[in-house]
Amino acid sequence: MTVNNSILKTLNTEINILLSTKQNKDVYRFFTKILGKNNVYEFEDTAYLHRPIHAVVCVNKLETIKESLEMAYYLHVPIIIIDIKSRPDYFPKHEYTTPDFTHIQLSTNINVAKSWGIDSYHDIVDMDVMNPESIKKWKEIIHNISRQTFKVETKQEKDTDYEEKQYSINIE
């Protein structure tokens, strides 16, 4: 499946996303407005198995992060993590760790970002279907992340990078 998805992704110019949930109708409508109804799938939908998927979109990491990470890893596609709800008081900030593969974390407003720790977000973008600037920004984000190569960063790579930096010598 992953090889098939990787090949089809490069041949298909339309961007298809796999949305973690359709329960939030506003989020679903927003993405169908941006990409088209035939380009937004959900986990329960089996039609995505026959289409190239360019990115997995996780809406509210507290609810669907595990399944979203597994699906993105299985399909070898980047993941877009969008938080539209604030972190509950009972859930400690340090419980959540960022994925170790190609991803982007976004928040829909500043209060949500502050509740989870604002430093972990790449951007704060409103999901207003009536705002052309918001739609344009989301299109750019989705296009840019969907064209990135799936890459897993291992601990060994991090250690090697550190050693190379530490022991590099400038010869003039």
Protein backbone atom coordinates (compact mmCIF):
# COMPACT_ATOMS: atom_id res chain seq x y z
CA MET A 1 0.00 0.00 0.00
CA THR A 2 2.75 2.49 0.89
CA VAL A 3 4.68 2.01 -2.36
CA ASN A 4 1.47 2.23 -4.34
CA ASN A 5 0.46 5.41 -2.48
CA SER A 6 3.90 6.99 -3.00
CA ILE A 7 3.82 6.36 -6.75
CA LEU A 8 0.22 7.50 -7.21
CA LYS A 9 0.90 10.62 -5.15
CA THR A 10 3.50 11.83 -7.62
CA LEU A 11 1.25 11.18 -10.61
CA ASN A 12 -1.89 12.81 -9.21
CA THR A 13 -2.04 16.61 -9.24
CA GLU A 14 -5.16 16.83 -7.07
CA ILE A 15 -4.48 16.73 -3.36
CA ASN A 16 -6.40 14.11 -1.37
CA ILE A 17 -6.48 14.17 2.41
CA LEU A 18 -7.59 11.67 5.00
CA LEU A 19 -9.52 13.45 7.75
CA SER A 20 -9.51 11.89 11.20
CA THR A 21 -13.16 12.65 11.90
CA LYS A 22 -16.28 13.82 10.14
CA GLN A 23 -18.08 14.42 13.43
CA ASN A 24 -17.16 18.09 13.34
CA LYS A 25 -19.23 19.16 10.35
CA ASP A 26 -17.66 22.65 10.21
CA VAL A 27 -14.15 21.22 9.78
CA TYR A 28 -15.36 18.76 7.15
CA ARG A 29 -17.15 21.52 5.22
CA PHE A 30 -14.08 23.74 5.44
CA PHE A 31 -11.78 21.15 3.87
CA THR A 32 -14.32 20.18 1.19
CA LYS A 33 -14.59 23.88 0.28
CA ILE A 34 -10.80 24.08 -0.09
CA LEU A 35 -10.09 20.75 -1.81
CA GLY A 36 -13.44 19.59 -3.17
CA LYS A 37 -15.82 17.00 -1.79
CA ASN A 38 -14.21 14.14 -3.73
CA ASN A 39 -10.78 14.86 -2.23
CA VAL A 40 -11.59 14.64 1.49
CA TYR A 41 -11.89 11.16 2.99
CA GLU A 42 -12.37 9.93 6.50
CA PHE A 43 -10.97 6.89 8.32
CA GLU A 44 -14.28 5.03 8.12
CA ASP A 45 -14.50 5.60 4.36
CA THR A 46 -13.03 2.80 2.26
CA ALA A 47 -12.82 4.86 -0.95
CA TYR A 48 -9.47 6.31 0.13
CA LEU A 49 -7.88 2.88 -0.20
CA HIS A 50 -8.10 3.23 -3.97
CA ARG A 51 -6.91 6.84 -4.15
CA PRO A 52 -3.52 8.40 -3.47
CA ILE A 53 -3.51 10.14 -0.11
CA HIS A 54 -1.21 13.17 0.23
CA ALA A 55 -1.65 13.93 3.94
CA VAL A 56 -3.50 12.81 7.05
CA VAL A 57 -5.31 15.54 8.96
CA CYS A 58 -5.73 14.97 12.69
CA VAL A 59 -8.41 17.19 14.20
CA ASN A 60 -8.05 17.55 17.99
CA LYS A 61 -5.03 15.48 18.91
CA LEU A 62 -6.49 14.46 22.25
CA GLU A 63 -9.26 12.52 20.48
CA THR A 64 -7.66 10.99 17.39
CA ILE A 65 -3.88 11.32 17.50
CA LYS A 66 -3.10 7.61 17.90
CA GLU A 67 -5.15 6.52 14.89
CA SER A 68 -3.94 9.48 12.82
CA LEU A 69 -0.28 8.75 13.52
CA GLU A 70 -0.74 5.08 12.69
CA MET A 71 -2.50 5.89 9.42
CA ALA A 72 0.08 8.50 8.37
CA TYR A 73 2.89 6.09 9.15
CA TYR A 74 1.15 3.26 7.29
CA LEU A 75 0.57 5.41 4.19
CA HIS A 76 3.96 7.16 4.49
CA VAL A 77 2.43 10.63 4.25
CA PRO A 78 2.89 13.76 6.36
CA ILE A 79 0.41 14.56 9.10
CA ILE A 80 -1.30 17.87 9.78
CA ILE A 81 -2.31 18.18 13.42
CA ILE A 82 -4.99 20.80 14.02
CA ASP A 83 -6.20 21.77 17.46
CA ILE A 84 -9.55 23.51 17.65
CA LYS A 85 -10.18 22.73 21.32
CA SER A 86 -8.19 23.87 24.34
CA ARG A 87 -6.26 21.36 26.42
CA PRO A 88 -8.41 20.06 29.29
CA ASP A 89 -7.08 20.77 32.79
CA TYR A 90 -6.82 17.07 33.61
CA PHE A 91 -4.42 16.41 30.69
CA PRO A 92 -0.80 17.39 31.45
CA LYS A 93 1.10 19.26 28.70
CA HIS A 94 4.08 16.90 28.86
CA GLU A 95 1.89 13.84 28.08
CA TYR A 96 1.86 14.67 24.38
CA THR A 97 5.00 14.37 22.26
CA THR A 98 5.34 15.56 18.69
CA PRO A 99 5.60 12.97 15.92
CA ASP A 100 9.06 11.91 14.79
CA PHE A 101 8.16 12.11 11.10
CA THR A 102 7.10 14.82 8.65
CA HIS A 103 4.34 16.88 10.28
CA ILE A 104 2.95 20.33 10.93
CA GLN A 105 1.05 21.43 14.04
CA LEU A 106 -1.53 24.18 13.73
CA SER A 107 -3.96 25.86 16.03
CA THR A 108 -7.15 27.70 15.11
CA ASN A 109 -6.70 30.44 17.70
CA ILE A 110 -4.20 31.82 20.19
CA ASN A 111 -6.05 30.57 23.31
CA VAL A 112 -5.98 26.97 22.09
CA ALA A 113 -2.27 27.30 21.29
CA LYS A 114 -1.49 28.72 24.73
CA SER A 115 -3.34 25.89 26.46
CA TRP A 116 -1.18 23.25 24.74
CA GLY A 117 2.05 25.25 24.79
CA ILE A 118 2.44 27.82 22.07
CA ASP A 119 6.02 26.79 21.21
CA SER A 120 4.86 23.47 19.75
CA TYR A 121 2.84 25.12 16.96
CA HIS A 122 4.11 26.03 13.52
CA ASP A 123 1.30 28.50 12.87
CA ILE A 124 -2.05 29.78 14.12
CA VAL A 125 -4.61 29.90 11.31
CA ASP A 126 -8.33 30.55 11.57
CA MET A 127 -10.74 28.15 9.86
CA ASP A 128 -13.19 30.73 8.51
CA VAL A 129 -14.87 29.52 5.33
CA MET A 130 -15.96 33.08 4.51
CA ASN A 131 -12.48 34.59 4.82
CA PRO A 132 -10.57 34.40 1.49
CA GLU A 133 -7.23 35.01 3.23
CA SER A 134 -7.83 32.10 5.58
CA ILE A 135 -8.74 29.82 2.68
CA LYS A 136 -5.66 30.92 0.74
CA LYS A 137 -3.41 30.28 3.75
CA TRP A 138 -4.87 26.78 4.29
CA LYS A 139 -4.44 25.93 0.61
CA GLU A 140 -0.77 26.91 0.83
CA ILE A 141 -0.25 24.88 4.01
CA ILE A 142 -1.92 21.77 2.60
CA HIS A 143 -0.11 22.06 -0.72
CA ASN A 144 3.30 22.56 0.92
CA ILE A 145 3.01 19.73 3.45
CA SER A 146 1.47 17.29 0.96
CA ARG A 147 4.41 17.70 -1.41
CA GLN A 148 6.98 16.97 1.28
CA THR A 149 8.68 13.62 1.39
CA PHE A 150 7.77 11.36 4.29
CA LYS A 151 10.81 11.19 6.52
CA VAL A 152 11.20 9.57 9.93
CA GLU A 153 13.78 11.14 12.21
CA THR A 154 15.43 8.54 14.39
CA LYS A 155 17.32 9.07 17.63
CA GLN A 156 20.49 7.80 15.96
CA GLU A 157 20.21 10.51 13.27
CA LYS A 158 19.86 13.16 15.95
CA ASP A 159 22.96 11.89 17.77
CA THR A 160 24.96 11.72 14.54
CA ASP A 161 24.01 15.27 13.60
CA TYR A 162 25.14 16.44 17.02
CA GLU A 163 28.49 14.66 16.77
CA GLU A 164 29.15 16.07 13.30
CA LYS A 165 28.43 19.60 14.48
CA GLN A 166 30.45 19.14 17.63
CA TYR A 167 33.57 17.84 15.92
CA SER A 168 33.50 19.73 12.63
CA ILE A 169 36.64 21.72 11.89
CA ASN A 170 36.93 24.76 9.66
CA ILE A 171 39.99 24.55 7.47
CA GLU A 172 40.89 27.77 5.74
